[in-house]
Amino acid sequence: MGAVAQADPTTLDYRLSARALAPDVYVVEGANADFSRANGCNIINTGFIVVDDGVIVINTGPSKRYGEQLRALVGRTTGKPVKQVLHLNLHPDYFLGNQAFADVPRLATSATIEGMRAEAKSYEDNLYRLCGDWMKATEALLPDRTVAPGPLLAGNPRFELRELKGHTASDLVLVDRISGVVFAGGLVFVDRVPTTPHARLPDWLASLDALAAQPFKTLVPSHGPVVGDARGIEQTRRYLRWLDGSFGAAAQRGSEMTEVLAQPVPAEFRNWAAFATEYPRNVVHLYPAYELKSLQAR
């Protein structure tokens, strides 16, 4: 796999490109990094699938501008109209490009739509703060239809939706039964520290077990490089297990959050993308629950 093209902050061009993973299945890769002005907040792998009567877009990116450039890319690549949009979870870069798809059905689970509605304003504010001009005119446009596990298209068994959870309350996974491509969404991170603002680690680990049992040839994480093996599943599992054990032991010792932030972290994890920003957020998001559990047990 070649390097992902660098966004151009001068022209606000994301320089998006589509890579075919299988016939009619494409990924559009983002930077393996944290949100920044340098990358235009584009750290997500989006995608699209060509079907008989159009194109299904998988996630719409972090901004109105991204969505517009993604839709143009779909048109140049396929020559077909966008049929519908699918959102795999509630996080901002999964749907803040929706304004460019206002005229087509936008699908998500009911739990994801509820979460987006609750978080949308804070998402907008945060990404404007982080990425500035890239976000101009971006306003949250929510999905307008609900989707459930099962076939993505009526009468077509090729594409199956599975609903798991743990990274968020509702994590959709899209399985292409013919090509073996799996869009695993936020459940899998490759060479990157996972994000945890809505995480429930036991559920997430159970979902990784379910994914590991799913046959695939190509796995597309939302963050990090596309892989042809279970490396991303294993990496994410190791990290979450380490977080759980480390935070549990620290809470038993009565450690303060500042002490947890300063404790040693395995070299493997320190070398992953976004460690400097994401690990402190992991601590803030998750450690208070371990402290509370420890206090309640005494």
Protein backbone atom coordinates (compact mmCIF):
# COMPACT_ATOMS: atom_id res chain seq x y z
CA MET A 1 0.00 0.00 0.00
CA GLY A 2 1.34 3.44 -0.91
CA ALA A 3 1.42 6.41 1.38
CA VAL A 4 -1.82 8.35 1.83
CA ALA A 5 -1.69 11.67 -0.06
CA GLN A 6 -1.15 14.65 2.22
CA ALA A 7 -3.95 17.19 2.54
CA ASP A 8 -3.10 20.70 1.29
CA PRO A 9 -3.89 23.34 3.95
CA THR A 10 -3.31 26.15 1.44
CA THR A 11 -6.01 25.09 -0.99
CA LEU A 12 -8.05 23.04 1.50
CA ASP A 13 -7.79 20.08 -0.84
CA TYR A 14 -7.95 16.74 0.94
CA ARG A 15 -6.39 15.07 -2.12
CA LEU A 16 -8.66 12.09 -1.68
CA SER A 17 -8.00 8.99 -3.74
CA ALA A 18 -9.89 5.73 -4.06
CA ARG A 19 -8.17 2.35 -3.90
CA ALA A 20 -9.94 -0.76 -5.13
CA LEU A 21 -9.91 -3.57 -2.58
CA ALA A 22 -12.01 -5.88 -4.75
CA PRO A 23 -14.25 -5.45 -7.79
CA ASP A 24 -16.65 -2.56 -7.01
CA VAL A 25 -15.31 -2.10 -3.43
CA TYR A 26 -13.16 0.95 -2.66
CA VAL A 27 -11.48 2.52 0.35
CA VAL A 28 -10.53 6.19 0.72
CA GLU A 29 -7.74 6.27 3.28
CA GLY A 30 -7.16 9.03 5.82
CA ALA A 31 -4.06 9.95 7.80
CA ASN A 32 -3.10 7.60 10.63
CA ALA A 33 -2.86 10.46 13.12
CA ASP A 34 -4.89 12.64 15.44
CA PHE A 35 -7.15 15.47 14.25
CA SER A 36 -5.07 18.47 13.14
CA ARG A 37 -5.09 21.42 10.76
CA ALA A 38 -2.30 19.72 8.81
CA ASN A 39 -4.57 16.81 7.86
CA GLY A 40 -7.85 18.74 7.81
CA CYS A 41 -9.23 16.44 10.51
CA ASN A 42 -9.16 13.63 7.93
CA ILE A 43 -8.07 10.62 9.94
CA ILE A 44 -10.80 8.22 8.85
CA ASN A 45 -10.98 5.53 6.21
CA THR A 46 -14.20 6.02 4.30
CA GLY A 47 -15.31 3.84 1.41
CA PHE A 48 -17.84 3.14 -1.28
CA ILE A 49 -19.38 0.14 -3.02
CA VAL A 50 -20.78 0.04 -6.54
CA VAL A 51 -24.08 -1.80 -6.88
CA ASP A 52 -26.41 -2.23 -9.86
CA ASP A 53 -28.25 1.08 -9.57
CA GLY A 54 -25.68 3.31 -7.91
CA VAL A 55 -23.12 3.64 -5.15
CA ILE A 56 -23.27 3.09 -1.40
CA VAL A 57 -20.99 5.44 0.53
CA ILE A 58 -19.58 4.28 3.86
CA ASN A 59 -19.15 7.24 6.22
CA THR A 60 -18.85 10.82 4.95
CA GLY A 61 -15.81 12.25 6.72
CA PRO A 62 -15.14 15.14 9.11
CA SER A 63 -16.43 18.20 7.23
CA LYS A 64 -18.73 19.55 4.55
CA ARG A 65 -15.69 20.10 2.34
CA TYR A 66 -14.59 16.47 2.79
CA GLY A 67 -18.07 15.25 1.90
CA GLU A 68 -18.12 17.35 -1.26
CA GLN A 69 -14.70 16.09 -2.33
CA LEU A 70 -15.67 12.51 -1.51
CA ARG A 71 -18.83 12.74 -3.60
CA ALA A 72 -16.85 14.17 -6.51
CA LEU A 73 -14.35 11.30 -6.17
CA VAL A 74 -17.15 8.75 -6.25
CA GLY A 75 -18.50 10.31 -9.43
CA ARG A 76 -15.10 10.37 -11.15
CA THR A 77 -14.34 6.80 -10.15
CA THR A 78 -17.64 5.09 -10.90
CA GLY A 79 -19.69 7.32 -13.17
CA LYS A 80 -22.72 6.31 -11.12
CA PRO A 81 -24.94 8.27 -8.72
CA VAL A 82 -24.81 7.85 -4.97
CA LYS A 83 -27.68 5.62 -3.90
CA GLN A 84 -27.34 5.87 -0.12
CA VAL A 85 -24.95 6.58 2.75
CA LEU A 86 -24.19 4.22 5.61
CA HIS A 87 -22.78 5.39 8.96
CA LEU A 88 -20.96 2.80 11.06
CA ASN A 89 -21.08 4.70 14.38
CA LEU A 90 -21.77 8.07 16.01
CA HIS A 91 -18.32 9.71 15.94
CA PRO A 92 -17.95 13.04 14.09
CA ASP A 93 -15.83 11.96 11.13
CA TYR A 94 -18.43 9.34 10.29
CA PHE A 95 -21.11 11.91 9.47
CA LEU A 96 -20.00 15.58 9.43
CA GLY A 97 -19.65 15.35 5.64
CA ASN A 98 -23.36 14.63 5.31
CA GLN A 99 -24.31 18.03 3.88
CA ALA A 100 -22.84 16.86 0.58
CA PHE A 101 -25.31 13.94 0.64
CA ALA A 102 -28.45 15.78 1.71
CA ASP A 103 -30.38 14.48 -1.29
CA VAL A 104 -29.87 10.75 -0.66
CA PRO A 105 -30.94 8.41 2.16
CA ARG A 106 -28.50 8.42 5.07
CA LEU A 107 -28.66 5.27 7.21
CA ALA A 108 -27.59 4.47 10.76
CA THR A 109 -28.90 2.45 13.68
CA SER A 110 -31.38 4.15 15.99
CA ALA A 111 -28.81 4.14 18.83
CA THR A 112 -26.24 5.82 16.59
CA ILE A 113 -28.70 8.50 15.47
CA GLU A 114 -29.64 9.18 19.09
CA GLY A 115 -25.97 9.52 20.01
CA MET A 116 -25.23 11.80 17.07
CA ARG A 117 -28.12 14.05 18.01
CA ALA A 118 -26.83 14.39 21.57
CA GLU A 119 -23.21 15.04 20.56
CA ALA A 120 -23.47 16.96 17.28
CA LYS A 121 -22.98 20.49 18.63
CA SER A 122 -19.96 19.56 20.72
CA TYR A 123 -18.50 17.71 17.72
CA GLU A 124 -18.85 20.79 15.53
CA ASP A 125 -17.27 23.05 18.15
CA ASN A 126 -14.37 20.69 18.80
CA LEU A 127 -13.46 20.11 15.17
CA TYR A 128 -13.73 23.82 14.33
CA ARG A 129 -11.29 24.46 17.19
CA LEU A 130 -8.90 21.77 16.01
CA CYS A 131 -9.06 22.25 12.24
CA GLY A 132 -10.18 25.80 11.56
CA ASP A 133 -10.90 26.71 7.93
CA TRP A 134 -11.27 23.09 6.84
CA MET A 135 -14.55 23.11 8.76
CA LYS A 136 -16.12 26.23 7.21
CA ALA A 137 -19.88 25.94 6.71
CA THR A 138 -19.95 22.47 8.30
CA GLU A 139 -23.14 21.79 10.21
CA ALA A 140 -24.31 18.42 11.44
CA LEU A 141 -26.89 16.77 9.21
CA LEU A 142 -28.12 13.60 10.86
CA PRO A 143 -29.00 10.30 9.20
CA ASP A 144 -32.63 10.26 8.15
CA ARG A 145 -33.32 6.50 8.10
CA THR A 146 -32.67 3.66 10.49
CA VAL A 147 -30.97 0.44 9.53
CA ALA A 148 -30.90 -2.93 11.27
CA PRO A 149 -28.56 -5.93 11.15
CA GLY A 150 -29.01 -8.18 8.15
CA PRO A 151 -28.74 -7.65 4.39
CA LEU A 152 -27.77 -4.09 3.45
CA LEU A 153 -29.87 -4.28 0.29
CA ALA A 154 -33.21 -6.04 0.12
CA GLY A 155 -32.94 -9.22 -1.90
CA ASN A 156 -29.14 -9.04 -2.13
CA PRO A 157 -27.33 -11.33 0.31
CA ARG A 158 -23.86 -10.12 -0.73
CA PHE A 159 -23.58 -7.31 1.82
CA GLU A 160 -24.41 -8.10 5.44
CA LEU A 161 -24.60 -5.67 8.33
CA ARG A 162 -23.65 -6.90 11.79
CA GLU A 163 -24.30 -4.75 14.86
CA LEU A 164 -21.73 -5.10 17.62
CA LYS A 165 -20.81 -2.70 20.43
CA GLY A 166 -18.12 -1.59 22.81
CA HIS A 167 -16.34 1.17 20.93
CA THR A 168 -19.74 2.87 21.04
CA ALA A 169 -23.19 1.66 21.99
CA SER A 170 -23.78 0.57 18.39
CA ASP A 171 -20.92 -0.43 16.09
CA LEU A 172 -21.91 -1.54 12.62
CA VAL A 173 -19.69 -3.89 10.64
CA LEU A 174 -20.21 -4.31 6.90
CA VAL A 175 -19.31 -7.71 5.44
CA ASP A 176 -18.94 -8.35 1.71
CA ARG A 177 -19.51 -12.09 1.42
CA ILE A 178 -18.17 -12.32 -2.13
CA SER A 179 -14.88 -10.38 -1.89
CA GLY A 180 -14.19 -11.04 1.78
CA VAL A 181 -13.81 -7.32 2.51
CA VAL A 182 -14.96 -6.31 6.00
CA PHE A 183 -15.44 -2.67 7.01
CA ALA A 184 -14.90 -3.04 10.76
CA GLY A 185 -15.47 0.60 11.71
CA GLY A 186 -14.20 1.84 15.04
CA LEU A 187 -13.96 -1.60 16.59
CA VAL A 188 -10.50 -2.10 15.08
CA PHE A 189 -7.49 0.25 15.13
CA VAL A 190 -4.28 -0.60 13.31
CA ASP A 191 -0.96 0.87 14.48
CA ARG A 192 -2.94 3.52 16.36
CA VAL A 193 -4.10 4.07 19.92
CA PRO A 194 -7.88 3.48 20.12
CA THR A 195 -10.28 6.27 20.95
CA THR A 196 -12.50 5.66 23.98
CA PRO A 197 -15.01 8.48 24.68
CA HIS A 198 -17.93 6.04 24.50
CA ALA A 199 -16.07 2.80 25.20
CA ARG A 200 -17.20 -0.15 27.28
CA LEU A 201 -14.20 -2.47 27.37
CA PRO A 202 -15.92 -5.81 28.16
CA ASP A 203 -18.36 -5.30 25.30
CA TRP A 204 -15.58 -4.19 22.97
CA LEU A 205 -13.47 -7.25 23.73
CA ALA A 206 -16.45 -9.52 23.12
CA SER A 207 -17.01 -7.79 19.79
CA LEU A 208 -13.38 -8.35 18.82
CA ASP A 209 -13.85 -12.04 19.55
CA ALA A 210 -16.84 -12.05 17.22
CA LEU A 211 -14.84 -10.27 14.52
CA ALA A 212 -11.96 -12.71 14.86
CA ALA A 213 -14.41 -15.52 14.13
CA GLN A 214 -15.63 -13.78 10.97
CA PRO A 215 -13.83 -15.03 7.85
CA PHE A 216 -12.34 -12.20 5.78
CA LYS A 217 -9.65 -11.46 3.22
CA THR A 218 -9.34 -7.72 3.77
CA LEU A 219 -10.18 -5.75 6.90
CA VAL A 220 -10.77 -2.00 6.75
CA PRO A 221 -10.45 -0.26 10.12
CA SER A 222 -11.77 3.27 10.45
CA HIS A 223 -8.32 4.36 11.63
CA GLY A 224 -5.01 2.95 10.46
CA PRO A 225 -3.90 0.96 7.42
CA VAL A 226 -6.04 -1.64 5.69
CA VAL A 227 -4.80 -5.16 6.49
CA GLY A 228 -5.18 -8.64 5.07
CA ASP A 229 -4.94 -10.47 8.37
CA ALA A 230 -6.05 -10.26 12.01
CA ARG A 231 -3.22 -7.93 13.09
CA GLY A 232 -5.54 -5.01 13.82
CA ILE A 233 -7.93 -7.17 15.83
CA GLU A 234 -5.06 -8.55 17.89
CA GLN A 235 -3.47 -5.14 18.41
CA THR A 236 -6.73 -3.62 19.60
CA ARG A 237 -7.42 -6.59 21.85
CA ARG A 238 -3.94 -6.42 23.45
CA TYR A 239 -4.28 -2.73 24.09
CA LEU A 240 -7.74 -2.93 25.64
CA ARG A 241 -6.70 -5.83 27.86
CA TRP A 242 -3.63 -3.87 28.95
CA LEU A 243 -5.76 -0.80 29.71
CA ASP A 244 -8.16 -2.88 31.77
CA GLY A 245 -5.42 -4.58 33.79
CA SER A 246 -3.33 -1.44 34.21
CA PHE A 247 -6.22 0.75 35.30
CA GLY A 248 -7.61 -1.91 37.61
CA ALA A 249 -4.26 -2.36 39.35
CA ALA A 250 -3.76 1.39 39.65
CA ALA A 251 -7.17 1.83 41.23
CA GLN A 252 -6.42 -0.92 43.73
CA ARG A 253 -3.25 0.95 44.70
CA GLY A 254 -5.24 4.13 45.15
CA SER A 255 -3.36 5.94 42.36
CA GLU A 256 -4.48 9.39 41.32
CA MET A 257 -5.14 10.12 37.66
CA THR A 258 -1.87 12.07 37.39
CA GLU A 259 -0.01 8.98 38.61
CA VAL A 260 -1.72 6.81 36.03
CA LEU A 261 -0.73 9.26 33.30
CA ALA A 262 2.90 9.03 34.44
CA GLN A 263 3.13 5.24 34.78
CA PRO A 264 5.10 3.18 32.22
CA VAL A 265 3.37 2.14 29.01
CA PRO A 266 4.62 -0.78 26.88
CA ALA A 267 6.87 0.30 24.02
CA GLU A 268 4.55 -1.27 21.43
CA PHE A 269 1.74 1.10 22.36
CA ARG A 270 3.97 4.17 22.75
CA ASN A 271 5.06 3.74 19.12
CA TRP A 272 1.53 3.80 17.72
CA ALA A 273 0.03 6.84 16.04
CA ALA A 274 -1.64 9.45 18.26
CA PHE A 275 -0.21 8.01 21.49
CA ALA A 276 0.74 11.41 22.91
CA THR A 277 -2.81 12.73 22.66
CA GLU A 278 -4.98 9.63 22.76
CA TYR A 279 -3.56 7.79 25.76
CA PRO A 280 -4.20 10.74 28.11
CA ARG A 281 -7.77 10.81 26.80
CA ASN A 282 -8.06 7.07 27.51
CA VAL A 283 -7.12 7.77 31.10
CA VAL A 284 -9.61 10.64 31.43
CA HIS A 285 -12.41 8.70 29.75
CA LEU A 286 -12.01 5.41 31.57
CA TYR A 287 -10.03 5.63 34.79
CA PRO A 288 -12.71 7.32 36.96
CA ALA A 289 -14.92 4.22 36.63
CA TYR A 290 -12.07 2.02 37.90
CA GLU A 291 -11.55 4.37 40.85
CA LEU A 292 -15.26 4.27 41.69
CA LYS A 293 -15.39 0.49 41.47
CA SER A 294 -12.37 0.18 43.75
CA LEU A 295 -13.88 2.56 46.29
CA GLN A 296 -17.20 0.70 46.29
CA ALA A 297 -15.41 -2.60 46.94
CA ARG A 298 -13.69 -1.33 50.08
